[in-house]
Amino acid sequence: MTDAQQFKDVVAYIDALAKDPTLAIVSKKMAGVALGITRPAIAARIKNGSLATIEIGGAKHPRASALISARAQELSEITIIREFLEGIAARREVVTYEPVMGLLGMKTDNPHHRTKIGILLGELSRATYYENGILLSVLVHLKKPTGRSRPSSAFDKLIDEFDLDVPNVAAFIDEEIEEVWELYANKTA
C-alpha cells in the first residue's frame, strides 16, 4: 500500500477535503468497529501500512474509502456464503465450517479467520432473520469426530441477541434446521 497522503495541519486537510471528498477519514475506533477488530489492531494495520491513511499534522487516520472497500468485500463474501448455504438448505443438509470458510480462502486453524467467519455468519443470519424469520447459519456446524454436531457457541449468542425464548437449545437448533430446510425446499420447488 502506498504511503499516507500528508497534510501539515487540519486546515490544510479540510481545504483539500472540500475539493476531494475521497480524502474523508474516520476515527480509529470507528475503523475498528467497521472491520470488527480492536483499536490496537487498527493501530497495527496503520503501522504496517495495510490500512490506507491520511496523515494530518503527523498523526495518521484511517481513510473512509478503505473502510468502504472493506465493507464491499464483506458484503461480497456474505453473498458467496449465502448462496452456498441456500444450496445446502435446498438439499436438506448441514455443513461444517471448513467448506464454508474454504469458499473465502479461510482456514479453520487461523484464529483471525474463525473470528471473521463468525462475523460474516452472524450478519448473514441477521439478514435472513429479518427477511424470513430464520437463522441461516444454523446449518453451519462444528466438526465432531463422534456424536451430534451443532453450530458454535456464537450461534447461541444470536439466539440471545434476538431474545428468542429457547428453553432447550438443542431442540431449537433441530427445529430451526427444519424451518430453514422447509423454506428453501419451497423456494426451489
N, C-alpha and C. Protein backbone atom coordinates (compact mmCIF):
# COMPACT_ATOMS: atom_id res chain seq x y z
N MET A 1 0.85 -1.16 0.00
CA MET A 1 0.00 0.00 0.00
C MET A 1 0.90 1.24 0.00
N THR A 2 0.44 2.28 -0.63
CA THR A 2 1.24 3.50 -0.72
C THR A 2 1.26 4.25 0.60
N ASP A 3 2.22 5.14 0.74
CA ASP A 3 2.32 5.95 1.94
C ASP A 3 1.10 6.84 2.08
N ALA A 4 0.84 7.26 3.30
CA ALA A 4 -0.30 8.11 3.61
C ALA A 4 -0.17 9.46 2.91
N GLN A 5 -1.30 9.99 2.48
CA GLN A 5 -1.32 11.36 1.97
C GLN A 5 -1.13 12.27 3.17
N GLN A 6 -0.31 13.30 3.03
CA GLN A 6 0.07 14.11 4.18
C GLN A 6 -0.41 15.55 4.05
N PHE A 7 -0.85 16.08 5.20
CA PHE A 7 -1.25 17.48 5.30
C PHE A 7 -0.59 18.05 6.55
N LYS A 8 -0.10 19.29 6.44
CA LYS A 8 0.66 19.87 7.56
C LYS A 8 -0.20 20.13 8.78
N ASP A 9 -1.51 20.40 8.56
CA ASP A 9 -2.40 20.66 9.69
C ASP A 9 -3.85 20.42 9.27
N VAL A 10 -4.77 20.58 10.23
CA VAL A 10 -6.19 20.31 9.98
C VAL A 10 -6.75 21.26 8.93
N VAL A 11 -6.34 22.53 8.95
CA VAL A 11 -6.85 23.49 7.97
C VAL A 11 -6.48 23.06 6.55
N ALA A 12 -5.25 22.65 6.36
CA ALA A 12 -4.82 22.19 5.03
C ALA A 12 -5.62 20.95 4.61
N TYR A 13 -5.85 20.07 5.56
CA TYR A 13 -6.64 18.87 5.27
C TYR A 13 -8.08 19.24 4.90
N ILE A 14 -8.72 20.10 5.66
CA ILE A 14 -10.11 20.50 5.40
C ILE A 14 -10.21 21.17 4.04
N ASP A 15 -9.25 22.01 3.69
CA ASP A 15 -9.24 22.64 2.37
C ASP A 15 -9.17 21.60 1.27
N ALA A 16 -8.32 20.60 1.45
CA ALA A 16 -8.19 19.53 0.44
C ALA A 16 -9.46 18.66 0.41
N LEU A 17 -10.02 18.38 1.59
CA LEU A 17 -11.23 17.56 1.66
C LEU A 17 -12.40 18.24 0.95
N ALA A 18 -12.47 19.56 1.05
CA ALA A 18 -13.54 20.30 0.38
C ALA A 18 -13.50 20.10 -1.13
N LYS A 19 -12.30 19.91 -1.66
CA LYS A 19 -12.14 19.70 -3.10
C LYS A 19 -12.23 18.23 -3.49
N ASP A 20 -11.91 17.33 -2.53
CA ASP A 20 -11.87 15.90 -2.83
C ASP A 20 -12.44 15.09 -1.66
N PRO A 21 -13.74 14.80 -1.69
CA PRO A 21 -14.37 14.06 -0.59
C PRO A 21 -13.79 12.65 -0.37
N THR A 22 -13.06 12.12 -1.33
CA THR A 22 -12.47 10.80 -1.13
C THR A 22 -11.36 10.83 -0.09
N LEU A 23 -11.00 12.01 0.38
CA LEU A 23 -9.98 12.15 1.42
C LEU A 23 -10.58 12.00 2.83
N ALA A 24 -11.86 11.70 2.93
CA ALA A 24 -12.51 11.59 4.24
C ALA A 24 -11.82 10.55 5.12
N ILE A 25 -11.78 10.86 6.41
CA ILE A 25 -11.18 9.96 7.40
C ILE A 25 -12.23 9.57 8.43
N VAL A 26 -11.92 8.52 9.18
CA VAL A 26 -12.74 8.11 10.32
C VAL A 26 -11.81 7.92 11.51
N SER A 27 -12.38 7.83 12.68
CA SER A 27 -11.56 7.58 13.88
C SER A 27 -11.08 6.14 13.88
N LYS A 28 -10.04 5.89 14.64
CA LYS A 28 -9.54 4.52 14.78
C LYS A 28 -10.61 3.63 15.41
N LYS A 29 -11.35 4.18 16.35
CA LYS A 29 -12.42 3.42 16.99
C LYS A 29 -13.49 3.02 15.97
N MET A 30 -13.89 3.98 15.12
CA MET A 30 -14.88 3.67 14.09
C MET A 30 -14.34 2.63 13.12
N ALA A 31 -13.08 2.74 12.76
CA ALA A 31 -12.47 1.77 11.85
C ALA A 31 -12.49 0.38 12.48
N GLY A 32 -12.19 0.31 13.78
CA GLY A 32 -12.21 -0.97 14.47
C GLY A 32 -13.58 -1.60 14.47
N VAL A 33 -14.60 -0.79 14.72
CA VAL A 33 -15.97 -1.29 14.71
C VAL A 33 -16.32 -1.77 13.30
N ALA A 34 -15.99 -0.97 12.30
CA ALA A 34 -16.32 -1.32 10.92
C ALA A 34 -15.65 -2.61 10.46
N LEU A 35 -14.42 -2.82 10.92
CA LEU A 35 -13.68 -4.01 10.49
C LEU A 35 -13.80 -5.17 11.48
N GLY A 36 -14.46 -4.93 12.60
CA GLY A 36 -14.63 -5.99 13.58
C GLY A 36 -13.34 -6.37 14.29
N ILE A 37 -12.46 -5.38 14.48
CA ILE A 37 -11.19 -5.63 15.16
C ILE A 37 -10.96 -4.56 16.22
N THR A 38 -10.00 -4.79 17.09
CA THR A 38 -9.73 -3.85 18.18
C THR A 38 -8.99 -2.61 17.69
N ARG A 39 -9.03 -1.59 18.53
CA ARG A 39 -8.29 -0.36 18.21
C ARG A 39 -6.79 -0.64 18.08
N PRO A 40 -6.19 -1.47 18.96
CA PRO A 40 -4.77 -1.79 18.76
C PRO A 40 -4.51 -2.51 17.42
N ALA A 41 -5.45 -3.32 16.98
CA ALA A 41 -5.29 -3.98 15.68
C ALA A 41 -5.33 -2.96 14.55
N ILE A 42 -6.16 -1.94 14.71
CA ILE A 42 -6.20 -0.85 13.72
C ILE A 42 -4.85 -0.14 13.72
N ALA A 43 -4.34 0.16 14.90
CA ALA A 43 -3.04 0.83 15.00
C ALA A 43 -1.94 -0.01 14.34
N ALA A 44 -2.01 -1.32 14.53
CA ALA A 44 -1.02 -2.20 13.90
C ALA A 44 -1.13 -2.16 12.38
N ARG A 45 -2.35 -2.15 11.87
CA ARG A 45 -2.54 -2.07 10.41
C ARG A 45 -2.04 -0.74 9.86
N ILE A 46 -2.27 0.32 10.61
CA ILE A 46 -1.76 1.63 10.19
C ILE A 46 -0.23 1.58 10.16
N LYS A 47 0.35 1.05 11.22
CA LYS A 47 1.81 1.00 11.33
C LYS A 47 2.44 0.15 10.22
N ASN A 48 1.81 -1.01 9.91
CA ASN A 48 2.41 -1.86 8.87
C ASN A 48 1.98 -1.48 7.45
N GLY A 49 1.15 -0.45 7.33
CA GLY A 49 0.77 0.06 6.01
C GLY A 49 -0.33 -0.72 5.31
N SER A 50 -1.01 -1.63 6.03
CA SER A 50 -2.06 -2.41 5.38
C SER A 50 -3.43 -1.74 5.43
N LEU A 51 -3.52 -0.56 6.08
CA LEU A 51 -4.75 0.21 6.10
C LEU A 51 -4.42 1.61 5.58
N ALA A 52 -5.10 2.01 4.52
CA ALA A 52 -4.84 3.32 3.91
C ALA A 52 -5.17 4.43 4.91
N THR A 53 -4.30 5.42 4.94
CA THR A 53 -4.46 6.51 5.90
C THR A 53 -4.26 7.88 5.25
N ILE A 54 -4.64 8.88 6.01
CA ILE A 54 -4.36 10.28 5.71
C ILE A 54 -3.57 10.79 6.93
N GLU A 55 -2.46 11.45 6.69
CA GLU A 55 -1.67 11.99 7.79
C GLU A 55 -1.95 13.48 7.91
N ILE A 56 -2.34 13.89 9.12
CA ILE A 56 -2.65 15.29 9.39
C ILE A 56 -1.82 15.72 10.59
N GLY A 57 -0.94 16.66 10.36
CA GLY A 57 -0.09 17.16 11.44
C GLY A 57 0.71 16.07 12.13
N GLY A 58 1.13 15.07 11.37
CA GLY A 58 1.95 13.99 11.91
C GLY A 58 1.18 12.80 12.44
N ALA A 59 -0.15 12.90 12.57
CA ALA A 59 -0.96 11.77 13.05
C ALA A 59 -1.67 11.10 11.87
N LYS A 60 -1.63 9.78 11.85
CA LYS A 60 -2.28 9.04 10.77
C LYS A 60 -3.69 8.63 11.18
N HIS A 61 -4.61 8.79 10.22
CA HIS A 61 -6.02 8.48 10.44
C HIS A 61 -6.50 7.56 9.32
N PRO A 62 -7.34 6.56 9.63
CA PRO A 62 -7.85 5.67 8.59
C PRO A 62 -8.70 6.41 7.56
N ARG A 63 -8.48 6.07 6.30
CA ARG A 63 -9.29 6.64 5.21
C ARG A 63 -10.64 5.96 5.19
N ALA A 64 -11.69 6.73 5.05
CA ALA A 64 -13.04 6.18 4.94
C ALA A 64 -13.14 5.27 3.72
N SER A 65 -12.46 5.63 2.64
CA SER A 65 -12.52 4.83 1.42
C SER A 65 -12.00 3.41 1.64
N ALA A 66 -11.03 3.24 2.54
CA ALA A 66 -10.53 1.90 2.84
C ALA A 66 -11.61 1.07 3.52
N LEU A 67 -12.40 1.71 4.38
CA LEU A 67 -13.48 1.00 5.05
C LEU A 67 -14.64 0.72 4.11
N ILE A 68 -14.89 1.62 3.18
CA ILE A 68 -15.92 1.40 2.17
C ILE A 68 -15.55 0.18 1.33
N SER A 69 -14.29 0.10 0.94
CA SER A 69 -13.81 -1.06 0.16
C SER A 69 -13.91 -2.34 0.98
N ALA A 70 -13.53 -2.27 2.26
CA ALA A 70 -13.61 -3.45 3.12
C ALA A 70 -15.05 -3.90 3.28
N ARG A 71 -15.97 -2.95 3.41
CA ARG A 71 -17.39 -3.30 3.54
C ARG A 71 -17.92 -3.94 2.27
N ALA A 72 -17.53 -3.42 1.13
CA ALA A 72 -17.95 -4.02 -0.15
C ALA A 72 -17.44 -5.46 -0.25
N GLN A 73 -16.21 -5.69 0.17
CA GLN A 73 -15.64 -7.04 0.18
C GLN A 73 -16.43 -7.94 1.12
N GLU A 74 -16.76 -7.43 2.29
CA GLU A 74 -17.52 -8.20 3.28
C GLU A 74 -18.90 -8.58 2.73
N LEU A 75 -19.57 -7.65 2.09
CA LEU A 75 -20.89 -7.94 1.51
C LEU A 75 -20.78 -8.98 0.41
N SER A 76 -19.72 -8.92 -0.37
CA SER A 76 -19.49 -9.92 -1.41
C SER A 76 -19.28 -11.30 -0.78
N GLU A 77 -18.51 -11.35 0.31
CA GLU A 77 -18.26 -12.62 0.99
C GLU A 77 -19.55 -13.18 1.59
N ILE A 78 -20.39 -12.32 2.14
CA ILE A 78 -21.67 -12.76 2.70
C ILE A 78 -22.55 -13.34 1.59
N THR A 79 -22.54 -12.72 0.43
CA THR A 79 -23.32 -13.22 -0.70
C THR A 79 -22.84 -14.60 -1.12
N ILE A 80 -21.54 -14.79 -1.18
CA ILE A 80 -20.98 -16.10 -1.54
C ILE A 80 -21.42 -17.16 -0.54
N ILE A 81 -21.31 -16.85 0.75
CA ILE A 81 -21.72 -17.79 1.79
C ILE A 81 -23.21 -18.07 1.70
N ARG A 82 -23.98 -17.02 1.51
CA ARG A 82 -25.45 -17.18 1.46
C ARG A 82 -25.86 -18.11 0.32
N GLU A 83 -25.31 -17.88 -0.86
CA GLU A 83 -25.67 -18.73 -2.00
C GLU A 83 -25.30 -20.18 -1.73
N PHE A 84 -24.14 -20.40 -1.14
CA PHE A 84 -23.70 -21.76 -0.80
C PHE A 84 -24.65 -22.40 0.21
N LEU A 85 -24.97 -21.67 1.28
CA LEU A 85 -25.85 -22.23 2.31
C LEU A 85 -27.28 -22.43 1.82
N GLU A 86 -27.73 -21.57 0.92
CA GLU A 86 -29.06 -21.78 0.35
C GLU A 86 -29.11 -23.08 -0.45
N GLY A 87 -28.02 -23.40 -1.13
CA GLY A 87 -27.95 -24.68 -1.84
C GLY A 87 -27.93 -25.85 -0.87
N ILE A 88 -27.20 -25.71 0.23
CA ILE A 88 -27.15 -26.73 1.28
C ILE A 88 -28.56 -26.93 1.84
N ALA A 89 -29.25 -25.82 2.10
CA ALA A 89 -30.61 -25.89 2.66
C ALA A 89 -31.57 -26.58 1.71
N ALA A 90 -31.47 -26.26 0.44
CA ALA A 90 -32.37 -26.86 -0.56
C ALA A 90 -32.17 -28.37 -0.64
N ARG A 91 -30.96 -28.84 -0.32
CA ARG A 91 -30.67 -30.29 -0.33
C ARG A 91 -30.92 -30.93 1.04
N ARG A 92 -31.41 -30.13 1.99
CA ARG A 92 -31.72 -30.61 3.34
C ARG A 92 -30.48 -31.20 4.01
N GLU A 93 -29.39 -30.43 3.96
CA GLU A 93 -28.13 -30.87 4.56
C GLU A 93 -27.66 -29.83 5.57
N VAL A 94 -26.65 -30.21 6.35
CA VAL A 94 -25.88 -29.28 7.15
C VAL A 94 -24.44 -29.40 6.68
N VAL A 95 -23.59 -28.47 7.10
CA VAL A 95 -22.21 -28.43 6.63
C VAL A 95 -21.31 -28.00 7.79
N THR A 96 -20.05 -28.40 7.75
CA THR A 96 -19.10 -27.93 8.76
C THR A 96 -18.49 -26.61 8.31
N TYR A 97 -17.76 -26.00 9.22
CA TYR A 97 -17.15 -24.70 8.94
C TYR A 97 -16.12 -24.78 7.81
N GLU A 98 -15.40 -25.86 7.73
CA GLU A 98 -14.29 -25.95 6.78
C GLU A 98 -14.67 -25.63 5.34
N PRO A 99 -15.71 -26.25 4.76
CA PRO A 99 -16.04 -25.89 3.37
C PRO A 99 -16.59 -24.47 3.23
N VAL A 100 -17.28 -23.99 4.26
CA VAL A 100 -17.80 -22.62 4.20
C VAL A 100 -16.63 -21.64 4.19
N MET A 101 -15.70 -21.85 5.09
CA MET A 101 -14.53 -20.97 5.16
C MET A 101 -13.67 -21.11 3.91
N GLY A 102 -13.59 -22.33 3.38
CA GLY A 102 -12.81 -22.57 2.17
C GLY A 102 -13.30 -21.76 0.98
N LEU A 103 -14.59 -21.45 0.95
CA LEU A 103 -15.13 -20.62 -0.14
C LEU A 103 -14.40 -19.28 -0.23
N LEU A 104 -13.93 -18.81 0.94
CA LEU A 104 -13.30 -17.49 1.01
C LEU A 104 -11.79 -17.59 1.22
N GLY A 105 -11.25 -18.79 1.07
CA GLY A 105 -9.81 -18.97 1.26
C GLY A 105 -9.38 -18.92 2.72
N MET A 106 -10.32 -19.16 3.62
CA MET A 106 -10.02 -19.14 5.05
C MET A 106 -9.72 -20.54 5.55
N LYS A 107 -8.99 -20.59 6.65
CA LYS A 107 -8.61 -21.86 7.27
C LYS A 107 -9.17 -21.92 8.69
N THR A 108 -9.65 -23.08 9.09
CA THR A 108 -10.22 -23.24 10.42
C THR A 108 -9.18 -23.13 11.53
N ASP A 109 -7.92 -23.34 11.22
CA ASP A 109 -6.88 -23.25 12.26
C ASP A 109 -6.34 -21.84 12.43
N ASN A 110 -6.88 -20.87 11.71
CA ASN A 110 -6.44 -19.48 11.82
C ASN A 110 -7.44 -18.72 12.69
N PRO A 111 -7.02 -18.27 13.87
CA PRO A 111 -7.96 -17.58 14.78
C PRO A 111 -8.62 -16.36 14.15
N HIS A 112 -7.87 -15.59 13.35
CA HIS A 112 -8.46 -14.42 12.68
C HIS A 112 -9.56 -14.87 11.72
N HIS A 113 -9.32 -15.94 11.00
CA HIS A 113 -10.34 -16.45 10.06
C HIS A 113 -11.58 -16.93 10.81
N ARG A 114 -11.37 -17.60 11.94
CA ARG A 114 -12.51 -18.07 12.72
C ARG A 114 -13.35 -16.89 13.23
N THR A 115 -12.68 -15.84 13.67
CA THR A 115 -13.40 -14.64 14.11
C THR A 115 -14.17 -14.04 12.94
N LYS A 116 -13.50 -13.93 11.82
CA LYS A 116 -14.14 -13.29 10.65
C LYS A 116 -15.34 -14.10 10.16
N ILE A 117 -15.23 -15.43 10.12
CA ILE A 117 -16.37 -16.22 9.63
C ILE A 117 -17.54 -16.07 10.59
N GLY A 118 -17.26 -15.95 11.88
CA GLY A 118 -18.32 -15.73 12.85
C GLY A 118 -19.04 -14.42 12.60
N ILE A 119 -18.29 -13.39 12.30
CA ILE A 119 -18.88 -12.08 12.00
C ILE A 119 -19.75 -12.17 10.74
N LEU A 120 -19.23 -12.81 9.71
CA LEU A 120 -19.96 -12.93 8.45
C LEU A 120 -21.24 -13.76 8.62
N LEU A 121 -21.12 -14.90 9.32
CA LEU A 121 -22.30 -15.74 9.54
C LEU A 121 -23.33 -15.04 10.41
N GLY A 122 -22.85 -14.28 11.38
CA GLY A 122 -23.78 -13.52 12.22
C GLY A 122 -24.55 -12.49 11.40
N GLU A 123 -23.83 -11.78 10.56
CA GLU A 123 -24.51 -10.77 9.74
C GLU A 123 -25.48 -11.43 8.75
N LEU A 124 -25.08 -12.55 8.19
CA LEU A 124 -25.97 -13.28 7.28
C LEU A 124 -27.23 -13.72 8.02
N SER A 125 -27.08 -14.27 9.22
CA SER A 125 -28.26 -14.72 9.97
C SER A 125 -29.16 -13.56 10.38
N ARG A 126 -28.57 -12.42 10.69
CA ARG A 126 -29.40 -11.25 11.00
C ARG A 126 -30.25 -10.90 9.77
N ALA A 127 -29.64 -10.92 8.61
CA ALA A 127 -30.37 -10.59 7.38
C ALA A 127 -31.50 -11.60 7.13
N THR A 128 -31.19 -12.89 7.24
CA THR A 128 -32.23 -13.89 6.95
C THR A 128 -33.30 -13.91 8.04
N TYR A 129 -32.93 -13.54 9.26
CA TYR A 129 -33.94 -13.47 10.32
C TYR A 129 -34.93 -12.35 10.02
N TYR A 130 -34.42 -11.18 9.62
CA TYR A 130 -35.32 -10.06 9.32
C TYR A 130 -36.11 -10.30 8.04
N GLU A 131 -35.55 -11.04 7.10
CA GLU A 131 -36.25 -11.33 5.84
C GLU A 131 -37.29 -12.43 6.00
N ASN A 132 -36.90 -13.53 6.66
CA ASN A 132 -37.74 -14.73 6.66
C ASN A 132 -37.97 -15.35 8.03
N GLY A 133 -37.44 -14.74 9.07
CA GLY A 133 -37.64 -15.30 10.41
C GLY A 133 -36.80 -16.53 10.70
N ILE A 134 -35.73 -16.74 9.93
CA ILE A 134 -34.86 -17.91 10.14
C ILE A 134 -33.41 -17.46 10.31
N LEU A 135 -32.62 -18.31 10.95
CA LEU A 135 -31.19 -18.06 11.13
C LEU A 135 -30.44 -19.04 10.24
N LEU A 136 -30.07 -18.60 9.04
CA LEU A 136 -29.48 -19.49 8.05
C LEU A 136 -28.20 -20.15 8.54
N SER A 137 -27.46 -19.50 9.41
CA SER A 137 -26.20 -20.07 9.88
C SER A 137 -26.39 -21.30 10.76
N VAL A 138 -27.63 -21.64 11.09
CA VAL A 138 -27.89 -22.87 11.85
C VAL A 138 -27.39 -24.10 11.11
N LEU A 139 -27.17 -23.97 9.82
CA LEU A 139 -26.71 -25.11 9.01
C LEU A 139 -25.20 -25.33 9.10
N VAL A 140 -24.47 -24.39 9.70
CA VAL A 140 -23.01 -24.49 9.77
C VAL A 140 -22.63 -25.04 11.15
N HIS A 141 -22.04 -26.23 11.15
CA HIS A 141 -21.77 -26.94 12.41
C HIS A 141 -20.27 -27.14 12.63
N LEU A 142 -19.94 -27.28 13.90
CA LEU A 142 -18.58 -27.64 14.29
C LEU A 142 -18.34 -29.10 13.88
N LYS A 143 -17.12 -29.37 13.48
CA LYS A 143 -16.75 -30.75 13.13
C LYS A 143 -16.60 -31.54 14.43
N LYS A 144 -17.30 -32.65 14.51
CA LYS A 144 -17.22 -33.51 15.70
C LYS A 144 -16.86 -34.91 15.25
N PRO A 145 -15.87 -35.52 15.89
CA PRO A 145 -15.49 -36.88 15.50
C PRO A 145 -16.60 -37.89 15.79
N THR A 146 -17.34 -37.67 16.87
CA THR A 146 -18.46 -38.56 17.19
C THR A 146 -19.57 -37.71 17.80
N GLY A 147 -20.74 -38.28 17.82
CA GLY A 147 -21.86 -37.59 18.45
C GLY A 147 -22.53 -36.57 17.55
N ARG A 148 -23.40 -35.84 18.16
CA ARG A 148 -24.24 -34.89 17.46
C ARG A 148 -23.49 -33.59 17.17
N SER A 149 -23.56 -33.12 15.94
CA SER A 149 -22.92 -31.85 15.61
C SER A 149 -23.89 -30.72 15.90
N ARG A 150 -23.34 -29.51 15.99
CA ARG A 150 -24.16 -28.33 16.23
C ARG A 150 -23.37 -27.09 15.86
N PRO A 151 -24.06 -25.95 15.70
CA PRO A 151 -23.34 -24.69 15.45
C PRO A 151 -22.46 -24.32 16.64
N SER A 152 -21.55 -23.40 16.43
CA SER A 152 -20.66 -22.96 17.50
C SER A 152 -21.43 -22.16 18.55
N SER A 153 -20.76 -21.81 19.62
CA SER A 153 -21.39 -21.02 20.69
C SER A 153 -21.80 -19.63 20.20
N ALA A 154 -21.21 -19.16 19.11
CA ALA A 154 -21.62 -17.88 18.54
C ALA A 154 -23.08 -17.91 18.11
N PHE A 155 -23.56 -19.09 17.71
CA PHE A 155 -24.96 -19.22 17.34
C PHE A 155 -25.86 -18.97 18.55
N ASP A 156 -25.42 -19.45 19.72
CA ASP A 156 -26.18 -19.21 20.95
C ASP A 156 -26.30 -17.71 21.22
N LYS A 157 -25.26 -16.97 20.88
CA LYS A 157 -25.29 -15.52 21.08
C LYS A 157 -26.34 -14.87 20.18
N LEU A 158 -26.53 -15.43 18.97
CA LEU A 158 -27.59 -14.92 18.09
C LEU A 158 -28.97 -15.15 18.71
N ILE A 159 -29.14 -16.32 19.31
CA ILE A 159 -30.40 -16.63 19.99
C ILE A 159 -30.66 -15.58 21.06
N ASP A 160 -29.63 -15.27 21.83
CA ASP A 160 -29.76 -14.25 22.88
C ASP A 160 -30.00 -12.86 22.29
N GLU A 161 -29.29 -12.55 21.21
CA GLU A 161 -29.41 -11.24 20.58
C GLU A 161 -30.85 -10.97 20.15
N PHE A 162 -31.51 -12.00 19.62
CA PHE A 162 -32.89 -11.82 19.16
C PHE A 162 -33.89 -12.08 20.28
N ASP A 163 -33.37 -12.32 21.48
CA ASP A 163 -34.21 -12.53 22.66
C ASP A 163 -35.26 -13.60 22.40
N LEU A 164 -34.82 -14.68 21.76
CA LEU A 164 -35.72 -15.79 21.46
C LEU A 164 -35.93 -16.62 22.72
N ASP A 165 -37.14 -17.02 22.94
CA ASP A 165 -37.46 -17.83 24.12
C ASP A 165 -37.10 -19.28 23.79
N VAL A 166 -35.91 -19.69 24.24
CA VAL A 166 -35.39 -21.01 23.90
C VAL A 166 -35.03 -21.76 25.18
N PRO A 167 -35.98 -22.56 25.69
CA PRO A 167 -35.68 -23.33 26.90
C PRO A 167 -34.70 -24.49 26.63
N ASN A 168 -34.69 -24.99 25.41
CA ASN A 168 -33.82 -26.12 25.06
C ASN A 168 -33.11 -25.80 23.75
N VAL A 169 -31.84 -25.45 23.84
CA VAL A 169 -31.09 -25.01 22.66
C VAL A 169 -30.99 -26.12 21.62
N ALA A 170 -30.73 -27.35 22.04
CA ALA A 170 -30.62 -28.46 21.08
C ALA A 170 -31.93 -28.65 20.31
N ALA A 171 -33.05 -28.58 21.01
CA ALA A 171 -34.35 -28.72 20.33
C ALA A 171 -34.59 -27.54 19.39
N PHE A 172 -34.21 -26.34 19.83
CA PHE A 172 -34.36 -25.16 18.97
C PHE A 172 -33.55 -25.32 17.69
N ILE A 173 -32.31 -25.79 17.82
CA ILE A 173 -31.45 -25.98 16.64
C ILE A 173 -32.12 -26.95 15.68
N ASP A 174 -32.63 -28.07 16.19
CA ASP A 174 -33.31 -29.05 15.32
C ASP A 174 -34.51 -28.42 14.62
N GLU A 175 -35.31 -27.66 15.36
CA GLU A 175 -36.49 -27.02 14.78
C GLU A 175 -36.08 -25.97 13.74
N GLU A 176 -35.04 -25.21 14.07
CA GLU A 176 -34.58 -24.16 13.15
C GLU A 176 -34.05 -24.77 11.86
N ILE A 177 -33.31 -25.85 11.96
CA ILE A 177 -32.82 -26.54 10.76
C ILE A 177 -33.99 -26.95 9.89
N GLU A 178 -35.01 -27.54 10.51
CA GLU A 178 -36.20 -27.96 9.74
C GLU A 178 -36.88 -26.77 9.07
N GLU A 179 -36.98 -25.65 9.78
CA GLU A 179 -37.60 -24.45 9.20
C GLU A 179 -36.79 -23.93 8.01
N VAL A 180 -35.47 -23.91 8.17
CA VAL A 180 -34.59 -23.46 7.07
C VAL A 180 -34.75 -24.39 5.87
N TRP A 181 -34.68 -25.69 6.11
CA TRP A 181 -34.83 -26.66 5.02
C TRP A 181 -36.16 -26.47 4.31
N GLU A 182 -37.22 -26.31 5.09
CA GLU A 182 -38.57 -26.17 4.52
C GLU A 182 -38.66 -24.90 3.66
N LEU A 183 -38.12 -23.81 4.18
CA LEU A 183 -38.17 -22.54 3.43
C LEU A 183 -37.47 -22.69 2.08
N TYR A 184 -36.26 -23.25 2.10
CA TYR A 184 -35.51 -23.33 0.85
C TYR A 184 -35.98 -24.45 -0.06
N ALA A 185 -36.59 -25.49 0.49
CA ALA A 185 -37.20 -26.53 -0.35
C ALA A 185 -38.37 -25.91 -1.12
N ASN A 186 -39.12 -25.03 -0.44
CA ASN A 186 -40.27 -24.38 -1.10
C ASN A 186 -39.81 -23.35 -2.12
N LYS A 187 -38.67 -22.71 -1.89
CA LYS A 187 -38.17 -21.71 -2.84
C LYS A 187 -37.67 -22.35 -4.12
N THR A 188 -37.18 -23.59 -4.04
CA THR A 188 -36.64 -24.25 -5.24
C THR A 188 -37.68 -25.13 -5.91
N ALA A 189 -38.82 -25.34 -5.26
CA ALA A 189 -39.86 -26.22 -5.82
C ALA A 189 -40.64 -25.53 -6.91
